[in-house]
Amino acid sequence: MKLVDQDGNEMTSKKNEEAQALEKQMAEMAHKVLEPIMTKLQLANQQIGQEQLMQISSMAHQMIFNRMIFNLIQKVGVKDMSELVDENDLEELKTSFSNQFKFGSPEGQGQDQEPPQA
């Protein structure tokens, strides 16, 4: 995690000690979110693979992050999401998201093609 100022510039003078403290707090919160699932797995004498563990851990972090953003939005009084994310933002995100995926051709020729439009 990097700390940035209001202009989006990284704050390097603090050696990211504040960011490390925030990351530690978030990890502790994620642990609390994951604790019931991990307890159920232990009680059922089951184990999950490393990849699945990473996925559910990532989901817990994302859930916490989403809740933090939601709480901040409410706290500052935003009533319409377009105040925060406009059509230009969505187009940029759509392009970025789409570029992260590659689809092989059905014939198996290995050619990349664009994902279907939603």
N, C-alpha and C. Protein backbone atom coordinates (compact mmCIF):
# COMPACT_ATOMS: atom_id res chain seq x y z
N MET A 1 0.85 -1.17 0.00
CA MET A 1 0.00 0.00 0.00
C MET A 1 0.90 1.24 0.00
N LYS A 2 0.54 2.20 -0.81
CA LYS A 2 1.29 3.45 -0.86
C LYS A 2 0.38 4.57 -0.40
N LEU A 3 0.93 5.49 0.36
CA LEU A 3 0.16 6.67 0.74
C LEU A 3 0.36 7.73 -0.32
N VAL A 4 -0.72 8.41 -0.64
CA VAL A 4 -0.66 9.48 -1.63
C VAL A 4 -1.28 10.73 -1.03
N ASP A 5 -0.84 11.88 -1.54
CA ASP A 5 -1.45 13.13 -1.10
C ASP A 5 -2.72 13.37 -1.89
N GLN A 6 -3.37 14.52 -1.67
CA GLN A 6 -4.65 14.80 -2.32
C GLN A 6 -4.52 14.92 -3.83
N ASP A 7 -3.32 15.17 -4.34
CA ASP A 7 -3.10 15.27 -5.77
C ASP A 7 -2.74 13.92 -6.40
N GLY A 8 -2.66 12.87 -5.58
CA GLY A 8 -2.35 11.55 -6.09
C GLY A 8 -0.86 11.24 -6.15
N ASN A 9 -0.01 12.13 -5.59
CA ASN A 9 1.43 11.90 -5.59
C ASN A 9 1.82 11.06 -4.38
N GLU A 10 2.70 10.08 -4.61
CA GLU A 10 3.13 9.23 -3.51
C GLU A 10 3.90 10.04 -2.47
N MET A 11 3.61 9.76 -1.21
CA MET A 11 4.29 10.44 -0.11
C MET A 11 5.47 9.57 0.33
N THR A 12 6.65 9.91 -0.18
CA THR A 12 7.81 9.06 0.08
C THR A 12 8.56 9.47 1.35
N SER A 13 8.33 10.66 1.84
CA SER A 13 9.09 11.14 2.99
C SER A 13 8.74 10.40 4.28
N LYS A 14 7.61 9.71 4.31
CA LYS A 14 7.19 9.01 5.53
C LYS A 14 7.65 7.55 5.53
N LYS A 15 8.37 7.13 4.53
CA LYS A 15 8.89 5.76 4.41
C LYS A 15 7.78 4.72 4.51
N ASN A 16 6.57 5.14 4.18
CA ASN A 16 5.41 4.26 4.16
C ASN A 16 5.14 3.54 5.48
N GLU A 17 5.62 4.08 6.60
CA GLU A 17 5.33 3.48 7.90
C GLU A 17 3.84 3.53 8.19
N GLU A 18 3.19 4.63 7.81
CA GLU A 18 1.75 4.75 8.02
C GLU A 18 1.01 3.73 7.16
N ALA A 19 1.48 3.54 5.93
CA ALA A 19 0.84 2.56 5.04
C ALA A 19 0.99 1.16 5.61
N GLN A 20 2.15 0.84 6.15
CA GLN A 20 2.35 -0.47 6.75
C GLN A 20 1.43 -0.69 7.93
N ALA A 21 1.21 0.34 8.74
CA ALA A 21 0.29 0.23 9.87
C ALA A 21 -1.14 0.00 9.38
N LEU A 22 -1.53 0.70 8.31
CA LEU A 22 -2.87 0.51 7.76
C LEU A 22 -3.03 -0.88 7.17
N GLU A 23 -1.99 -1.38 6.50
CA GLU A 23 -2.04 -2.73 5.95
C GLU A 23 -2.20 -3.77 7.06
N LYS A 24 -1.49 -3.55 8.16
CA LYS A 24 -1.59 -4.48 9.30
C LYS A 24 -3.01 -4.47 9.86
N GLN A 25 -3.60 -3.27 9.99
CA GLN A 25 -4.98 -3.18 10.48
C GLN A 25 -5.95 -3.90 9.54
N MET A 26 -5.75 -3.71 8.24
CA MET A 26 -6.63 -4.36 7.26
C MET A 26 -6.47 -5.88 7.32
N ALA A 27 -5.25 -6.36 7.48
CA ALA A 27 -5.01 -7.80 7.59
C ALA A 27 -5.71 -8.36 8.83
N GLU A 28 -5.69 -7.62 9.92
CA GLU A 28 -6.38 -8.06 11.13
C GLU A 28 -7.88 -8.11 10.91
N MET A 29 -8.42 -7.12 10.20
CA MET A 29 -9.85 -7.12 9.89
C MET A 29 -10.20 -8.30 9.00
N ALA A 30 -9.38 -8.56 8.00
CA ALA A 30 -9.63 -9.68 7.09
C ALA A 30 -9.60 -11.00 7.87
N HIS A 31 -8.68 -11.10 8.82
CA HIS A 31 -8.61 -12.30 9.64
C HIS A 31 -9.91 -12.51 10.41
N LYS A 32 -10.49 -11.42 10.93
CA LYS A 32 -11.76 -11.51 11.65
C LYS A 32 -12.89 -11.96 10.71
N VAL A 33 -12.87 -11.47 9.48
CA VAL A 33 -13.89 -11.86 8.51
C VAL A 33 -13.74 -13.34 8.15
N LEU A 34 -12.51 -13.80 8.02
CA LEU A 34 -12.25 -15.19 7.62
C LEU A 34 -12.37 -16.20 8.76
N GLU A 35 -12.31 -15.72 9.98
CA GLU A 35 -12.27 -16.61 11.14
C GLU A 35 -13.41 -17.63 11.17
N PRO A 36 -14.67 -17.24 10.93
CA PRO A 36 -15.74 -18.26 10.96
C PRO A 36 -15.56 -19.35 9.91
N ILE A 37 -15.12 -18.99 8.72
CA ILE A 37 -14.91 -19.98 7.66
C ILE A 37 -13.78 -20.93 8.05
N MET A 38 -12.71 -20.38 8.56
CA MET A 38 -11.57 -21.21 8.94
C MET A 38 -11.95 -22.15 10.08
N THR A 39 -12.76 -21.67 11.03
CA THR A 39 -13.22 -22.50 12.14
C THR A 39 -14.08 -23.65 11.62
N LYS A 40 -15.00 -23.34 10.69
CA LYS A 40 -15.84 -24.39 10.11
C LYS A 40 -14.99 -25.44 9.40
N LEU A 41 -13.97 -25.00 8.68
CA LEU A 41 -13.10 -25.95 7.99
C LEU A 41 -12.37 -26.84 8.99
N GLN A 42 -11.88 -26.25 10.07
CA GLN A 42 -11.17 -27.04 11.08
C GLN A 42 -12.11 -28.04 11.74
N LEU A 43 -13.35 -27.59 12.07
CA LEU A 43 -14.30 -28.49 12.72
C LEU A 43 -14.71 -29.64 11.80
N ALA A 44 -14.75 -29.36 10.49
CA ALA A 44 -15.10 -30.40 9.52
C ALA A 44 -13.87 -31.22 9.12
N ASN A 45 -12.73 -30.90 9.72
CA ASN A 45 -11.47 -31.59 9.43
C ASN A 45 -11.15 -31.53 7.94
N GLN A 46 -11.37 -30.35 7.35
CA GLN A 46 -11.08 -30.16 5.93
C GLN A 46 -10.00 -29.11 5.76
N GLN A 47 -9.33 -29.20 4.64
CA GLN A 47 -8.31 -28.22 4.30
C GLN A 47 -8.63 -27.66 2.92
N ILE A 48 -8.15 -26.45 2.69
CA ILE A 48 -8.31 -25.86 1.37
C ILE A 48 -6.93 -25.60 0.79
N GLY A 49 -6.88 -25.56 -0.52
CA GLY A 49 -5.61 -25.33 -1.19
C GLY A 49 -5.15 -23.89 -1.05
N GLN A 50 -3.88 -23.69 -1.30
CA GLN A 50 -3.27 -22.36 -1.19
C GLN A 50 -3.96 -21.36 -2.11
N GLU A 51 -4.30 -21.79 -3.33
CA GLU A 51 -4.95 -20.89 -4.28
C GLU A 51 -6.32 -20.46 -3.78
N GLN A 52 -7.09 -21.41 -3.24
CA GLN A 52 -8.40 -21.07 -2.70
C GLN A 52 -8.28 -20.15 -1.49
N LEU A 53 -7.28 -20.41 -0.65
CA LEU A 53 -7.05 -19.56 0.51
C LEU A 53 -6.75 -18.13 0.08
N MET A 54 -5.93 -18.00 -0.96
CA MET A 54 -5.61 -16.66 -1.48
C MET A 54 -6.87 -15.98 -2.03
N GLN A 55 -7.72 -16.76 -2.69
CA GLN A 55 -8.94 -16.20 -3.26
C GLN A 55 -9.89 -15.71 -2.18
N ILE A 56 -10.11 -16.52 -1.14
CA ILE A 56 -11.04 -16.07 -0.10
C ILE A 56 -10.45 -14.95 0.73
N SER A 57 -9.13 -14.95 0.88
CA SER A 57 -8.47 -13.84 1.58
C SER A 57 -8.63 -12.54 0.78
N SER A 58 -8.45 -12.65 -0.53
CA SER A 58 -8.63 -11.49 -1.40
C SER A 58 -10.07 -10.99 -1.35
N MET A 59 -11.01 -11.93 -1.31
CA MET A 59 -12.42 -11.55 -1.22
C MET A 59 -12.70 -10.81 0.08
N ALA A 60 -12.12 -11.28 1.17
CA ALA A 60 -12.32 -10.61 2.46
C ALA A 60 -11.75 -9.20 2.43
N HIS A 61 -10.56 -9.04 1.87
CA HIS A 61 -9.97 -7.70 1.75
C HIS A 61 -10.85 -6.80 0.89
N GLN A 62 -11.36 -7.33 -0.22
CA GLN A 62 -12.21 -6.54 -1.10
C GLN A 62 -13.50 -6.13 -0.41
N MET A 63 -14.08 -7.05 0.36
CA MET A 63 -15.31 -6.72 1.10
C MET A 63 -15.05 -5.60 2.09
N ILE A 64 -13.94 -5.66 2.80
CA ILE A 64 -13.60 -4.62 3.78
C ILE A 64 -13.38 -3.30 3.06
N PHE A 65 -12.63 -3.34 1.96
CA PHE A 65 -12.35 -2.12 1.20
C PHE A 65 -13.66 -1.50 0.71
N ASN A 66 -14.55 -2.33 0.16
CA ASN A 66 -15.84 -1.82 -0.33
C ASN A 66 -16.64 -1.18 0.80
N ARG A 67 -16.63 -1.80 1.97
CA ARG A 67 -17.36 -1.24 3.11
C ARG A 67 -16.74 0.08 3.56
N MET A 68 -15.41 0.16 3.53
CA MET A 68 -14.74 1.41 3.89
C MET A 68 -15.16 2.52 2.94
N ILE A 69 -15.16 2.23 1.65
CA ILE A 69 -15.55 3.23 0.65
C ILE A 69 -17.00 3.63 0.85
N PHE A 70 -17.88 2.66 1.05
CA PHE A 70 -19.30 2.94 1.28
C PHE A 70 -19.47 3.86 2.49
N ASN A 71 -18.78 3.53 3.59
CA ASN A 71 -18.89 4.35 4.80
C ASN A 71 -18.36 5.77 4.57
N LEU A 72 -17.27 5.89 3.82
CA LEU A 72 -16.73 7.23 3.50
C LEU A 72 -17.71 8.03 2.65
N ILE A 73 -18.32 7.36 1.66
CA ILE A 73 -19.28 8.03 0.79
C ILE A 73 -20.44 8.56 1.61
N GLN A 74 -20.94 7.75 2.53
CA GLN A 74 -22.04 8.20 3.37
C GLN A 74 -21.61 9.34 4.28
N LYS A 75 -20.39 9.23 4.82
CA LYS A 75 -19.90 10.23 5.77
C LYS A 75 -19.77 11.61 5.12
N VAL A 76 -19.34 11.65 3.86
CA VAL A 76 -19.17 12.95 3.19
C VAL A 76 -20.45 13.42 2.51
N GLY A 77 -21.49 12.59 2.54
CA GLY A 77 -22.79 13.02 2.05
C GLY A 77 -23.03 12.90 0.56
N VAL A 78 -22.29 12.05 -0.11
CA VAL A 78 -22.53 11.84 -1.55
C VAL A 78 -23.85 11.10 -1.72
N LYS A 79 -24.69 11.62 -2.58
CA LYS A 79 -26.00 11.01 -2.82
C LYS A 79 -26.08 10.32 -4.18
N ASP A 80 -25.23 10.71 -5.11
CA ASP A 80 -25.29 10.16 -6.47
C ASP A 80 -23.90 9.68 -6.86
N MET A 81 -23.80 8.42 -7.25
CA MET A 81 -22.49 7.84 -7.60
C MET A 81 -21.80 8.58 -8.73
N SER A 82 -22.55 9.27 -9.58
CA SER A 82 -21.93 10.00 -10.69
C SER A 82 -21.05 11.15 -10.18
N GLU A 83 -21.20 11.51 -8.93
CA GLU A 83 -20.30 12.50 -8.34
C GLU A 83 -18.90 11.93 -8.16
N LEU A 84 -18.81 10.61 -8.07
CA LEU A 84 -17.54 9.95 -7.82
C LEU A 84 -16.97 9.24 -9.05
N VAL A 85 -17.85 8.65 -9.85
CA VAL A 85 -17.42 7.90 -11.03
C VAL A 85 -18.32 8.33 -12.19
N ASP A 86 -17.70 8.92 -13.22
CA ASP A 86 -18.50 9.36 -14.36
C ASP A 86 -18.32 8.41 -15.54
N GLU A 87 -18.96 8.72 -16.64
CA GLU A 87 -18.91 7.84 -17.82
C GLU A 87 -17.49 7.68 -18.35
N ASN A 88 -16.67 8.73 -18.29
CA ASN A 88 -15.27 8.62 -18.73
C ASN A 88 -14.50 7.63 -17.87
N ASP A 89 -14.75 7.65 -16.56
CA ASP A 89 -14.11 6.68 -15.67
C ASP A 89 -14.52 5.26 -16.04
N LEU A 90 -15.82 5.07 -16.29
CA LEU A 90 -16.30 3.74 -16.64
C LEU A 90 -15.70 3.24 -17.95
N GLU A 91 -15.57 4.13 -18.92
CA GLU A 91 -14.96 3.73 -20.20
C GLU A 91 -13.50 3.33 -20.00
N GLU A 92 -12.78 4.11 -19.20
CA GLU A 92 -11.37 3.80 -18.92
C GLU A 92 -11.25 2.46 -18.19
N LEU A 93 -12.11 2.24 -17.19
CA LEU A 93 -12.08 0.98 -16.45
C LEU A 93 -12.48 -0.19 -17.33
N LYS A 94 -13.46 0.01 -18.20
CA LYS A 94 -13.91 -1.05 -19.09
C LYS A 94 -12.77 -1.48 -20.00
N THR A 95 -12.04 -0.51 -20.54
CA THR A 95 -10.91 -0.83 -21.42
C THR A 95 -9.82 -1.55 -20.64
N SER A 96 -9.49 -1.03 -19.47
CA SER A 96 -8.44 -1.64 -18.66
C SER A 96 -8.82 -3.06 -18.26
N PHE A 97 -10.05 -3.25 -17.83
CA PHE A 97 -10.52 -4.57 -17.41
C PHE A 97 -10.51 -5.54 -18.59
N SER A 98 -11.01 -5.10 -19.72
CA SER A 98 -11.06 -5.94 -20.91
C SER A 98 -9.66 -6.36 -21.36
N ASN A 99 -8.70 -5.46 -21.23
CA ASN A 99 -7.33 -5.75 -21.66
C ASN A 99 -6.63 -6.79 -20.78
N GLN A 100 -7.20 -7.06 -19.62
CA GLN A 100 -6.60 -8.04 -18.72
C GLN A 100 -6.95 -9.48 -19.10
N PHE A 101 -7.90 -9.64 -20.03
CA PHE A 101 -8.35 -10.98 -20.41
C PHE A 101 -8.01 -11.27 -21.85
N LYS A 102 -7.58 -12.50 -22.10
CA LYS A 102 -7.32 -12.97 -23.45
C LYS A 102 -8.18 -14.20 -23.68
N PHE A 103 -8.78 -14.28 -24.85
CA PHE A 103 -9.62 -15.42 -25.19
C PHE A 103 -9.04 -16.12 -26.40
N GLY A 104 -8.90 -17.42 -26.31
CA GLY A 104 -8.41 -18.20 -27.44
C GLY A 104 -9.51 -18.41 -28.46
N SER A 105 -9.11 -18.64 -29.70
CA SER A 105 -10.10 -18.89 -30.75
C SER A 105 -10.71 -20.26 -30.54
N PRO A 106 -11.98 -20.45 -30.94
CA PRO A 106 -12.64 -21.75 -30.76
C PRO A 106 -11.95 -22.87 -31.50
N GLU A 107 -11.26 -22.56 -32.59
CA GLU A 107 -10.58 -23.59 -33.37
C GLU A 107 -9.28 -24.03 -32.71
N GLY A 108 -8.91 -23.37 -31.60
CA GLY A 108 -7.69 -23.74 -30.91
C GLY A 108 -6.43 -23.27 -31.61
N GLN A 109 -6.56 -22.27 -32.48
CA GLN A 109 -5.40 -21.79 -33.21
C GLN A 109 -4.54 -20.83 -32.39
N GLY A 110 -5.00 -20.54 -31.15
CA GLY A 110 -4.20 -19.70 -30.28
C GLY A 110 -4.29 -18.20 -30.58
N GLN A 111 -5.19 -17.82 -31.46
CA GLN A 111 -5.33 -16.40 -31.75
C GLN A 111 -6.16 -15.76 -30.66
N ASP A 112 -5.73 -14.58 -30.24
CA ASP A 112 -6.50 -13.84 -29.23
C ASP A 112 -7.62 -13.12 -29.93
N GLN A 113 -8.74 -13.06 -29.25
CA GLN A 113 -9.86 -12.31 -29.78
C GLN A 113 -10.47 -11.49 -28.66
N GLU A 114 -11.23 -10.48 -29.05
CA GLU A 114 -11.87 -9.61 -28.08
C GLU A 114 -12.97 -10.39 -27.37
N PRO A 115 -13.18 -10.10 -26.08
CA PRO A 115 -14.30 -10.75 -25.39
C PRO A 115 -15.62 -10.25 -25.95
N PRO A 116 -16.66 -11.04 -25.81
CA PRO A 116 -17.96 -10.61 -26.32
C PRO A 116 -18.43 -9.35 -25.60
N GLN A 117 -19.12 -8.50 -26.34
CA GLN A 117 -19.65 -7.27 -25.75
C GLN A 117 -20.88 -7.60 -24.92
N ALA A 118 -20.96 -6.95 -23.76
CA ALA A 118 -22.11 -7.20 -22.87
C ALA A 118 -23.30 -6.36 -23.29
